[in-house]
Amino acid sequence: TFIYTDIGTDGTLGGPNLVTQEEMLKLLAPIGANLIASGG
């Protein structure tokens, strides 16, 4: 399990960085690891 935070969005109420979260999800999916998205 991973918690992935894009610091640039955290606490800004500007919306999550869906692009970077998807990049991480795509990387982890074949390995079988889960992601919790954080920030924005």
Full PDB file with SEQRES, HELIX, SHEET, SSBOND, CRYST1, ORIGX, SCALE, CONECT and MASTER records, all heavy atoms in Angstrom:
SEQRES   1 A   40  THR PHE ILE TYR THR ASP ILE GLY THR ASP GLY THR LEU          
SEQRES   2 A   40  GLY GLY PRO ASN LEU VAL THR GLN GLU GLU MET LEU LYS          
SEQRES   3 A   40  LEU LEU ALA PRO ILE GLY ALA ASN LEU ILE ALA SER GLY          
SEQRES   4 A   40  GLY                                                          
HELIX    1 AA1 LEU A   18  LEU A   28  1                                  11    
HELIX    2 AA2 ALA A   29  ILE A   31  5                                   3    
SHEET    1 AA1 2 PHE A   2  THR A   5  0                                        
SHEET    2 AA1 2 LEU A  35  SER A  38  1                                        
CRYST1    1.000    1.000    1.000  90.00  90.00  90.00 P 1           1          
ORIGX1      1.000000  0.000000  0.000000        0.00000                         
ORIGX2      0.000000  1.000000  0.000000        0.00000                         
ORIGX3      0.000000  0.000000  1.000000        0.00000                         
SCALE1      1.000000  0.000000  0.000000        0.00000                         
SCALE2      0.000000  1.000000  0.000000        0.00000                         
SCALE3      0.000000  0.000000  1.000000        0.00000                         
ATOM      1  N   THR A   1       0.842  -1.199   0.000  1.00  0.00           N  
ATOM      2  CA  THR A   1       0.000   0.000   0.000  1.00  0.00           C  
ATOM      3  C   THR A   1       0.875   1.246   0.000  1.00  0.00           C  
ATOM      4  O   THR A   1       1.832   1.343   0.773  1.00  0.00           O  
ATOM      5  CB  THR A   1      -0.929   0.033   1.230  1.00  0.00           C  
ATOM      6  OG1 THR A   1      -1.782  -1.119   1.214  1.00  0.00           O  
ATOM      7  CG2 THR A   1      -1.798   1.286   1.225  1.00  0.00           C  
ATOM      8  N   PHE A   2       0.511   2.193  -0.867  1.00  0.00           N  
ATOM      9  CA  PHE A   2       1.232   3.458  -0.964  1.00  0.00           C  
ATOM     10  C   PHE A   2       0.257   4.617  -0.809  1.00  0.00           C  
ATOM     11  O   PHE A   2      -0.866   4.561  -1.300  1.00  0.00           O  
ATOM     12  CB  PHE A   2       1.935   3.580  -2.316  1.00  0.00           C  
ATOM     13  CG  PHE A   2       3.068   2.604  -2.500  1.00  0.00           C  
ATOM     14  CD1 PHE A   2       2.813   1.304  -2.925  1.00  0.00           C  
ATOM     15  CD2 PHE A   2       4.380   2.968  -2.233  1.00  0.00           C  
ATOM     16  CE1 PHE A   2       3.844   0.381  -3.089  1.00  0.00           C  
ATOM     17  CE2 PHE A   2       5.414   2.063  -2.392  1.00  0.00           C  
ATOM     18  CZ  PHE A   2       5.150   0.770  -2.814  1.00  0.00           C  
ATOM     19  N   ILE A   3       0.697   5.653  -0.123  1.00  0.00           N  
ATOM     20  CA  ILE A   3      -0.032   6.919  -0.076  1.00  0.00           C  
ATOM     21  C   ILE A   3       0.792   7.909  -0.874  1.00  0.00           C  
ATOM     22  O   ILE A   3       1.951   8.171  -0.538  1.00  0.00           O  
ATOM     23  CB  ILE A   3      -0.246   7.415   1.363  1.00  0.00           C  
ATOM     24  CG1 ILE A   3      -1.194   6.459   2.094  1.00  0.00           C  
ATOM     25  CG2 ILE A   3      -0.844   8.808   1.378  1.00  0.00           C  
ATOM     26  CD1 ILE A   3      -0.610   5.788   3.259  1.00  0.00           C  
ATOM     27  N   TYR A   4       0.203   8.427  -1.946  1.00  0.00           N  
ATOM     28  CA  TYR A   4       0.952   9.296  -2.853  1.00  0.00           C  
ATOM     29  C   TYR A   4       0.388  10.709  -2.789  1.00  0.00           C  
ATOM     30  O   TYR A   4      -0.774  10.944  -3.093  1.00  0.00           O  
ATOM     31  CB  TYR A   4       0.868   8.763  -4.286  1.00  0.00           C  
ATOM     32  CG  TYR A   4       1.725   9.511  -5.276  1.00  0.00           C  
ATOM     33  CD1 TYR A   4       2.998   9.963  -4.953  1.00  0.00           C  
ATOM     34  CD2 TYR A   4       1.262   9.753  -6.565  1.00  0.00           C  
ATOM     35  CE1 TYR A   4       3.784  10.638  -5.875  1.00  0.00           C  
ATOM     36  CE2 TYR A   4       2.040  10.426  -7.500  1.00  0.00           C  
ATOM     37  CZ  TYR A   4       3.300  10.863  -7.144  1.00  0.00           C  
ATOM     38  OH  TYR A   4       4.083  11.532  -8.057  1.00  0.00           O  
ATOM     39  N   THR A   5       1.245  11.640  -2.380  1.00  0.00           N  
ATOM     40  CA  THR A   5       0.846  13.038  -2.234  1.00  0.00           C  
ATOM     41  C   THR A   5       1.606  13.908  -3.218  1.00  0.00           C  
ATOM     42  O   THR A   5       2.840  13.879  -3.255  1.00  0.00           O  
ATOM     43  CB  THR A   5       1.133  13.553  -0.805  1.00  0.00           C  
ATOM     44  OG1 THR A   5       0.503  12.702   0.152  1.00  0.00           O  
ATOM     45  CG2 THR A   5       0.624  14.974  -0.632  1.00  0.00           C  
ATOM     46  N   ASP A   6       0.867  14.668  -3.997  1.00  0.00           N  
ATOM     47  CA  ASP A   6       1.473  15.702  -4.833  1.00  0.00           C  
ATOM     48  C   ASP A   6       1.514  16.972  -3.989  1.00  0.00           C  
ATOM     49  O   ASP A   6       0.486  17.591  -3.719  1.00  0.00           O  
ATOM     50  CB  ASP A   6       0.630  15.908  -6.094  1.00  0.00           C  
ATOM     51  CG  ASP A   6       1.256  16.916  -7.050  1.00  0.00           C  
ATOM     52  OD1 ASP A   6       1.708  17.978  -6.580  1.00  0.00           O  
ATOM     53  OD2 ASP A   6       1.294  16.658  -8.258  1.00  0.00           O  
ATOM     54  N   ILE A   7       2.715  17.338  -3.536  1.00  0.00           N  
ATOM     55  CA  ILE A   7       2.853  18.452  -2.597  1.00  0.00           C  
ATOM     56  C   ILE A   7       2.276  19.745  -3.167  1.00  0.00           C  
ATOM     57  O   ILE A   7       1.710  20.565  -2.438  1.00  0.00           O  
ATOM     58  CB  ILE A   7       4.333  18.642  -2.219  1.00  0.00           C  
ATOM     59  CG1 ILE A   7       4.817  17.439  -1.412  1.00  0.00           C  
ATOM     60  CG2 ILE A   7       4.534  19.926  -1.423  1.00  0.00           C  
ATOM     61  CD1 ILE A   7       6.293  17.445  -1.128  1.00  0.00           C  
ATOM     62  N   GLY A   8       2.393  19.914  -4.468  1.00  0.00           N  
ATOM     63  CA  GLY A   8       1.905  21.145  -5.081  1.00  0.00           C  
ATOM     64  C   GLY A   8       0.415  21.357  -4.931  1.00  0.00           C  
ATOM     65  O   GLY A   8      -0.074  22.490  -5.014  1.00  0.00           O  
ATOM     66  N   THR A   9      -0.335  20.282  -4.670  1.00  0.00           N  
ATOM     67  CA  THR A   9      -1.792  20.400  -4.534  1.00  0.00           C  
ATOM     68  C   THR A   9      -2.245  20.338  -3.087  1.00  0.00           C  
ATOM     69  O   THR A   9      -3.370  20.732  -2.777  1.00  0.00           O  
ATOM     70  CB  THR A   9      -2.510  19.275  -5.309  1.00  0.00           C  
ATOM     71  OG1 THR A   9      -2.184  18.006  -4.723  1.00  0.00           O  
ATOM     72  CG2 THR A   9      -2.103  19.266  -6.777  1.00  0.00           C  
ATOM     73  N   ASP A  10      -1.411  19.865  -2.182  1.00  0.00           N  
ATOM     74  CA  ASP A  10      -1.848  19.581  -0.817  1.00  0.00           C  
ATOM     75  C   ASP A  10      -2.255  20.853  -0.079  1.00  0.00           C  
ATOM     76  O   ASP A  10      -1.490  21.821   0.001  1.00  0.00           O  
ATOM     77  CB  ASP A  10      -0.739  18.872  -0.044  1.00  0.00           C  
ATOM     78  CG  ASP A  10      -1.247  18.331   1.284  1.00  0.00           C  
ATOM     79  OD1 ASP A  10      -2.010  17.354   1.253  1.00  0.00           O  
ATOM     80  OD2 ASP A  10      -0.908  18.903   2.330  1.00  0.00           O  
ATOM     81  N   GLY A  11      -3.467  20.814   0.477  1.00  0.00           N  
ATOM     82  CA  GLY A  11      -3.963  21.936   1.261  1.00  0.00           C  
ATOM     83  C   GLY A  11      -4.376  23.149   0.456  1.00  0.00           C  
ATOM     84  O   GLY A  11      -4.689  24.200   1.020  1.00  0.00           O  
ATOM     85  N   THR A  12      -4.414  23.025  -0.873  1.00  0.00           N  
ATOM     86  CA  THR A  12      -4.716  24.179  -1.723  1.00  0.00           C  
ATOM     87  C   THR A  12      -6.175  24.273  -2.134  1.00  0.00           C  
ATOM     88  O   THR A  12      -6.609  25.324  -2.634  1.00  0.00           O  
ATOM     89  CB  THR A  12      -3.862  24.141  -3.004  1.00  0.00           C  
ATOM     90  OG1 THR A  12      -4.264  23.010  -3.797  1.00  0.00           O  
ATOM     91  CG2 THR A  12      -2.379  24.048  -2.679  1.00  0.00           C  
ATOM     92  N   LEU A  13      -6.920  23.175  -1.982  1.00  0.00           N  
ATOM     93  CA  LEU A  13      -8.301  23.096  -2.462  1.00  0.00           C  
ATOM     94  C   LEU A  13      -8.373  23.357  -3.968  1.00  0.00           C  
ATOM     95  O   LEU A  13      -9.367  23.861  -4.480  1.00  0.00           O  
ATOM     96  CB  LEU A  13      -9.211  24.094  -1.712  1.00  0.00           C  
ATOM     97  CG  LEU A  13      -9.402  23.847  -0.216  1.00  0.00           C  
ATOM     98  CD1 LEU A  13     -10.243  24.947   0.409  1.00  0.00           C  
ATOM     99  CD2 LEU A  13     -10.033  22.486   0.041  1.00  0.00           C  
ATOM    100  N   GLY A  14      -7.295  22.998  -4.666  1.00  0.00           N  
ATOM    101  CA  GLY A  14      -7.234  23.240  -6.102  1.00  0.00           C  
ATOM    102  C   GLY A  14      -7.511  22.020  -6.950  1.00  0.00           C  
ATOM    103  O   GLY A  14      -7.381  22.076  -8.177  1.00  0.00           O  
ATOM    104  N   GLY A  15      -7.883  20.915  -6.327  1.00  0.00           N  
ATOM    105  CA  GLY A  15      -8.134  19.679  -7.058  1.00  0.00           C  
ATOM    106  C   GLY A  15      -6.904  18.795  -7.086  1.00  0.00           C  
ATOM    107  O   GLY A  15      -5.770  19.284  -7.086  1.00  0.00           O  
ATOM    108  N   PRO A  16      -7.096  17.480  -7.080  1.00  0.00           N  
ATOM    109  CA  PRO A  16      -5.961  16.556  -7.127  1.00  0.00           C  
ATOM    110  C   PRO A  16      -5.284  16.560  -8.490  1.00  0.00           C  
ATOM    111  O   PRO A  16      -5.904  16.894  -9.505  1.00  0.00           O  
ATOM    112  CB  PRO A  16      -6.597  15.194  -6.837  1.00  0.00           C  
ATOM    113  CG  PRO A  16      -8.022  15.342  -7.266  1.00  0.00           C  
ATOM    114  CD  PRO A  16      -8.389  16.781  -7.031  1.00  0.00           C  
ATOM    115  N   ASN A  17      -4.025  16.194  -8.508  1.00  0.00           N  
ATOM    116  CA  ASN A  17      -3.297  16.046  -9.770  1.00  0.00           C  
ATOM    117  C   ASN A  17      -3.595  14.644 -10.303  1.00  0.00           C  
ATOM    118  O   ASN A  17      -2.914  13.675  -9.968  1.00  0.00           O  
ATOM    119  CB  ASN A  17      -1.797  16.248  -9.545  1.00  0.00           C  
ATOM    120  CG  ASN A  17      -1.022  16.298 -10.847  1.00  0.00           C  
ATOM    121  OD1 ASN A  17      -1.416  15.691 -11.839  1.00  0.00           O  
ATOM    122  ND2 ASN A  17       0.086  17.022 -10.850  1.00  0.00           N  
ATOM    123  N   LEU A  18      -4.611  14.553 -11.125  1.00  0.00           N  
ATOM    124  CA  LEU A  18      -5.059  13.247 -11.617  1.00  0.00           C  
ATOM    125  C   LEU A  18      -4.022  12.601 -12.529  1.00  0.00           C  
ATOM    126  O   LEU A  18      -3.929  11.370 -12.600  1.00  0.00           O  
ATOM    127  CB  LEU A  18      -6.391  13.391 -12.347  1.00  0.00           C  
ATOM    128  CG  LEU A  18      -7.573  13.873 -11.486  1.00  0.00           C  
ATOM    129  CD1 LEU A  18      -8.775  14.154 -12.364  1.00  0.00           C  
ATOM    130  CD2 LEU A  18      -7.923  12.846 -10.413  1.00  0.00           C  
ATOM    131  N   VAL A  19      -3.237  13.414 -13.209  1.00  0.00           N  
ATOM    132  CA  VAL A  19      -2.228  12.873 -14.122  1.00  0.00           C  
ATOM    133  C   VAL A  19      -1.158  12.117 -13.352  1.00  0.00           C  
ATOM    134  O   VAL A  19      -0.814  10.972 -13.690  1.00  0.00           O  
ATOM    135  CB  VAL A  19      -1.596  14.002 -14.965  1.00  0.00           C  
ATOM    136  CG1 VAL A  19      -0.424  13.466 -15.784  1.00  0.00           C  
ATOM    137  CG2 VAL A  19      -2.636  14.632 -15.877  1.00  0.00           C  
ATOM    138  N   THR A  20      -0.621  12.731 -12.301  1.00  0.00           N  
ATOM    139  CA  THR A  20       0.436  12.055 -11.542  1.00  0.00           C  
ATOM    140  C   THR A  20      -0.118  10.858 -10.776  1.00  0.00           C  
ATOM    141  O   THR A  20       0.560   9.836 -10.649  1.00  0.00           O  
ATOM    142  CB  THR A  20       1.133  13.027 -10.569  1.00  0.00           C  
ATOM    143  OG1 THR A  20       0.161  13.597  -9.673  1.00  0.00           O  
ATOM    144  CG2 THR A  20       1.829  14.142 -11.321  1.00  0.00           C  
ATOM    145  N   GLN A  21      -1.351  10.972 -10.280  1.00  0.00           N  
ATOM    146  CA  GLN A  21      -1.950   9.830  -9.580  1.00  0.00           C  
ATOM    147  C   GLN A  21      -2.140   8.658 -10.544  1.00  0.00           C  
ATOM    148  O   GLN A  21      -1.877   7.508 -10.197  1.00  0.00           O  
ATOM    149  CB  GLN A  21      -3.283  10.226  -8.939  1.00  0.00           C  
ATOM    150  CG  GLN A  21      -3.181  11.271  -7.823  1.00  0.00           C  
ATOM    151  CD  GLN A  21      -2.499  10.763  -6.573  1.00  0.00           C  
ATOM    152  OE1 GLN A  21      -2.283   9.559  -6.390  1.00  0.00           O  
ATOM    153  NE2 GLN A  21      -2.138  11.670  -5.671  1.00  0.00           N  
ATOM    154  N   GLU A  22      -2.566   8.956 -11.766  1.00  0.00           N  
ATOM    155  CA  GLU A  22      -2.758   7.879 -12.739  1.00  0.00           C  
ATOM    156  C   GLU A  22      -1.424   7.246 -13.125  1.00  0.00           C  
ATOM    157  O   GLU A  22      -1.345   6.030 -13.330  1.00  0.00           O  
ATOM    158  CB  GLU A  22      -3.486   8.380 -13.984  1.00  0.00           C  
ATOM    159  CG  GLU A  22      -3.775   7.265 -14.977  1.00  0.00           C  
ATOM    160  CD  GLU A  22      -4.742   7.648 -16.077  1.00  0.00           C  
ATOM    161  OE1 GLU A  22      -5.115   8.839 -16.175  1.00  0.00           O  
ATOM    162  OE2 GLU A  22      -5.146   6.749 -16.836  1.00  0.00           O  
ATOM    163  N   GLU A  23      -0.377   8.044 -13.239  1.00  0.00           N  
ATOM    164  CA  GLU A  23       0.943   7.491 -13.535  1.00  0.00           C  
ATOM    165  C   GLU A  23       1.361   6.485 -12.465  1.00  0.00           C  
ATOM    166  O   GLU A  23       1.881   5.405 -12.776  1.00  0.00           O  
ATOM    167  CB  GLU A  23       1.980   8.613 -13.617  1.00  0.00           C  
ATOM    168  CG  GLU A  23       1.886   9.480 -14.844  1.00  0.00           C  
ATOM    169  CD  GLU A  23       2.855  10.647 -14.824  1.00  0.00           C  
ATOM    170  OE1 GLU A  23       3.418  10.937 -13.749  1.00  0.00           O  
ATOM    171  OE2 GLU A  23       3.046  11.269 -15.884  1.00  0.00           O  
ATOM    172  N   MET A  24       1.115   6.842 -11.209  1.00  0.00           N  
ATOM    173  CA  MET A  24       1.479   5.944 -10.119  1.00  0.00           C  
ATOM    174  C   MET A  24       0.600   4.692 -10.121  1.00  0.00           C  
ATOM    175  O   MET A  24       1.082   3.567  -9.924  1.00  0.00           O  
ATOM    176  CB  MET A  24       1.383   6.682  -8.784  1.00  0.00           C  
ATOM    177  CG  MET A  24       1.918   5.901  -7.595  1.00  0.00           C  
ATOM    178  SD  MET A  24       3.696   5.546  -7.677  1.00  0.00           S  
ATOM    179  CE  MET A  24       4.385   7.142  -7.215  1.00  0.00           C  
ATOM    180  N   LEU A  25      -0.676   4.858 -10.344  1.00  0.00           N  
ATOM    181  CA  LEU A  25      -1.587   3.708 -10.408  1.00  0.00           C  
ATOM    182  C   LEU A  25      -1.180   2.739 -11.510  1.00  0.00           C  
ATOM    183  O   LEU A  25      -1.162   1.517 -11.314  1.00  0.00           O  
ATOM    184  CB  LEU A  25      -3.019   4.190 -10.639  1.00  0.00           C  
ATOM    185  CG  LEU A  25      -3.727   4.821  -9.449  1.00  0.00           C  
ATOM    186  CD1 LEU A  25      -4.936   5.620  -9.913  1.00  0.00           C  
ATOM    187  CD2 LEU A  25      -4.134   3.759  -8.439  1.00  0.00           C  
ATOM    188  N   LYS A  26      -0.861   3.292 -12.669  1.00  0.00           N  
ATOM    189  CA  LYS A  26      -0.462   2.473 -13.814  1.00  0.00           C  
ATOM    190  C   LYS A  26       0.802   1.683 -13.509  1.00  0.00           C  
ATOM    191  O   LYS A  26       0.947   0.519 -13.908  1.00  0.00           O  
ATOM    192  CB  LYS A  26      -0.254   3.371 -15.032  1.00  0.00           C  
ATOM    193  CG  LYS A  26       0.010   2.617 -16.328  1.00  0.00           C  
ATOM    194  CD  LYS A  26       0.101   3.590 -17.502  1.00  0.00           C  
ATOM    195  CE  LYS A  26       0.336   2.841 -18.808  1.00  0.00           C  
ATOM    196  NZ  LYS A  26       0.418   3.794 -19.953  1.00  0.00           N  
ATOM    197  N   LEU A  27       1.734   2.308 -12.783  1.00  0.00           N  
ATOM    198  CA  LEU A  27       2.975   1.635 -12.408  1.00  0.00           C  
ATOM    199  C   LEU A  27       2.716   0.499 -11.423  1.00  0.00           C  
ATOM    200  O   LEU A  27       3.273  -0.599 -11.553  1.00  0.00           O  
ATOM    201  CB  LEU A  27       3.934   2.652 -11.779  1.00  0.00           C  
ATOM    202  CG  LEU A  27       5.211   2.076 -11.167  1.00  0.00           C  
ATOM    203  CD1 LEU A  27       6.249   1.828 -12.255  1.00  0.00           C  
ATOM    204  CD2 LEU A  27       5.783   3.016 -10.112  1.00  0.00           C  
ATOM    205  N   LEU A  28       1.875   0.754 -10.428  1.00  0.00           N  
ATOM    206  CA  LEU A  28       1.673  -0.200  -9.340  1.00  0.00           C  
ATOM    207  C   LEU A  28       0.730  -1.351  -9.698  1.00  0.00           C  
ATOM    208  O   LEU A  28       0.841  -2.439  -9.126  1.00  0.00           O  
ATOM    209  CB  LEU A  28       1.136   0.523  -8.098  1.00  0.00           C  
ATOM    210  CG  LEU A  28       2.060   1.557  -7.445  1.00  0.00           C  
ATOM    211  CD1 LEU A  28       1.335   2.263  -6.309  1.00  0.00           C  
ATOM    212  CD2 LEU A  28       3.340   0.890  -6.933  1.00  0.00           C  
ATOM    213  N   ALA A  29      -0.196  -1.113 -10.611  1.00  0.00           N  
ATOM    214  CA  ALA A  29      -1.230  -2.114 -10.915  1.00  0.00           C  
ATOM    215  C   ALA A  29      -0.667  -3.480 -11.286  1.00  0.00           C  
ATOM    216  O   ALA A  29      -1.101  -4.502 -10.726  1.00  0.00           O  
ATOM    217  CB  ALA A  29      -2.158  -1.595 -12.003  1.00  0.00           C  
ATOM    218  N   PRO A  30       0.301  -3.572 -12.212  1.00  0.00           N  
ATOM    219  CA  PRO A  30       0.802  -4.900 -12.587  1.00  0.00           C  
ATOM    220  C   PRO A  30       1.528  -5.617 -11.445  1.00  0.00           C  
ATOM    221  O   PRO A  30       1.637  -6.850 -11.455  1.00  0.00           O  
ATOM    222  CB  PRO A  30       1.773  -4.607 -13.742  1.00  0.00           C  
ATOM    223  CG  PRO A  30       1.457  -3.236 -14.201  1.00  0.00           C  
ATOM    224  CD  PRO A  30       0.952  -2.512 -13.002  1.00  0.00           C  
ATOM    225  N   ILE A  31       2.012  -4.851 -10.485  1.00  0.00           N  
ATOM    226  CA  ILE A  31       2.746  -5.447  -9.360  1.00  0.00           C  
ATOM    227  C   ILE A  31       1.783  -5.896  -8.268  1.00  0.00           C  
ATOM    228  O   ILE A  31       2.132  -6.714  -7.415  1.00  0.00           O  
ATOM    229  CB  ILE A  31       3.771  -4.434  -8.797  1.00  0.00           C  
ATOM    230  CG1 ILE A  31       4.659  -3.893  -9.923  1.00  0.00           C  
ATOM    231  CG2 ILE A  31       4.657  -5.076  -7.725  1.00  0.00           C  
ATOM    232  CD1 ILE A  31       5.585  -2.768  -9.494  1.00  0.00           C  
ATOM    233  N   GLY A  32       0.564  -5.362  -8.303  1.00  0.00           N  
ATOM    234  CA  GLY A  32      -0.442  -5.758  -7.321  1.00  0.00           C  
ATOM    235  C   GLY A  32      -0.463  -4.904  -6.075  1.00  0.00           C  
ATOM    236  O   GLY A  32      -0.984  -5.324  -5.039  1.00  0.00           O  
ATOM    237  N   ALA A  33       0.080  -3.678  -6.155  1.00  0.00           N  
ATOM    238  CA  ALA A  33       0.100  -2.784  -4.996  1.00  0.00           C  
ATOM    239  C   ALA A  33      -1.015  -1.752  -5.105  1.00  0.00           C  
ATOM    240  O   ALA A  33      -1.374  -1.318  -6.208  1.00  0.00           O  
ATOM    241  CB  ALA A  33       1.450  -2.089  -4.899  1.00  0.00           C  
ATOM    242  N   ASN A  34      -1.546  -1.351  -3.963  1.00  0.00           N  
ATOM    243  CA  ASN A  34      -2.642  -0.389  -3.903  1.00  0.00           C  
ATOM    244  C   ASN A  34      -2.134   1.026  -3.670  1.00  0.00           C  
ATOM    245  O   ASN A  34      -1.037   1.232  -3.131  1.00  0.00           O  
ATOM    246  CB  ASN A  34      -3.623  -0.756  -2.792  1.00  0.00           C  
ATOM    247  CG  ASN A  34      -4.395  -2.018  -3.089  1.00  0.00           C  
ATOM    248  OD1 ASN A  34      -4.677  -2.321  -4.248  1.00  0.00           O  
ATOM    249  ND2 ASN A  34      -4.730  -2.765  -2.052  1.00  0.00           N  
ATOM    250  N   LEU A  35      -2.970   1.994  -4.032  1.00  0.00           N  
ATOM    251  CA  LEU A  35      -2.625   3.403  -3.876  1.00  0.00           C  
ATOM    252  C   LEU A  35      -3.757   4.154  -3.190  1.00  0.00           C  
ATOM    253  O   LEU A  35      -4.933   3.935  -3.495  1.00  0.00           O  
ATOM    254  CB  LEU A  35      -2.363   4.036  -5.250  1.00  0.00           C  
ATOM    255  CG  LEU A  35      -1.960   5.508  -5.242  1.00  0.00           C  
ATOM    256  CD1 LEU A  35      -0.552   5.668  -4.690  1.00  0.00           C  
ATOM    257  CD2 LEU A  35      -2.036   6.111  -6.640  1.00  0.00           C  
ATOM    258  N   ILE A  36      -3.385   5.030  -2.281  1.00  0.00           N  
ATOM    259  CA  ILE A  36      -4.308   5.997  -1.691  1.00  0.00           C  
ATOM    260  C   ILE A  36      -3.866   7.371  -2.178  1.00  0.00           C  
ATOM    261  O   ILE A  36      -2.716   7.769  -1.973  1.00  0.00           O  
ATOM    262  CB  ILE A  36      -4.290   5.933  -0.154  1.00  0.00           C  
ATOM    263  CG1 ILE A  36      -4.724   4.540   0.322  1.00  0.00           C  
ATOM    264  CG2 ILE A  36      -5.204   7.001   0.440  1.00  0.00           C  
ATOM    265  CD1 ILE A  36      -4.523   4.306   1.807  1.00  0.00           C  
ATOM    266  N   ALA A  37      -4.765   8.078  -2.852  1.00  0.00           N  
ATOM    267  CA  ALA A  37      -4.434   9.384  -3.424  1.00  0.00           C  
ATOM    268  C   ALA A  37      -4.595  10.470  -2.376  1.00  0.00           C  
ATOM    269  O   ALA A  37      -5.565  10.482  -1.604  1.00  0.00           O  
ATOM    270  CB  ALA A  37      -5.335   9.671  -4.619  1.00  0.00           C  
ATOM    271  N   SER A  38      -3.648  11.408  -2.369  1.00  0.00           N  
ATOM    272  CA  SER A  38      -3.670  12.478  -1.367  1.00  0.00           C  
ATOM    273  C   SER A  38      -3.313  13.802  -2.014  1.00  0.00           C  
ATOM    274  O   SER A  38      -2.405  13.879  -2.836  1.00  0.00           O  
ATOM    275  CB  SER A  38      -2.675  12.143  -0.250  1.00  0.00           C  
ATOM    276  OG  SER A  38      -2.573  13.200   0.671  1.00  0.00           O  
ATOM    277  N   GLY A  39      -4.036  14.853  -1.596  1.00  0.00           N  
ATOM    278  CA  GLY A  39      -3.685  16.189  -2.027  1.00  0.00           C  
ATOM    279  C   GLY A  39      -4.690  16.836  -2.943  1.00  0.00           C  
ATOM    280  O   GLY A  39      -4.970  16.326  -4.028  1.00  0.00           O  
ATOM    281  N   GLY A  40      -5.270  17.958  -2.498  1.00  0.00           N  
ATOM    282  CA  GLY A  40      -6.027  18.828  -3.378  1.00  0.00           C  
ATOM    283  C   GLY A  40      -7.521  18.649  -3.465  1.00  0.00           C  
ATOM    284  O   GLY A  40      -8.191  19.460  -4.103  1.00  0.00           O  
TER     285      GLY A  40                                                      
MASTER        0    0    0    2    2    0    0    6  284    1    0    4          
END                                                                             
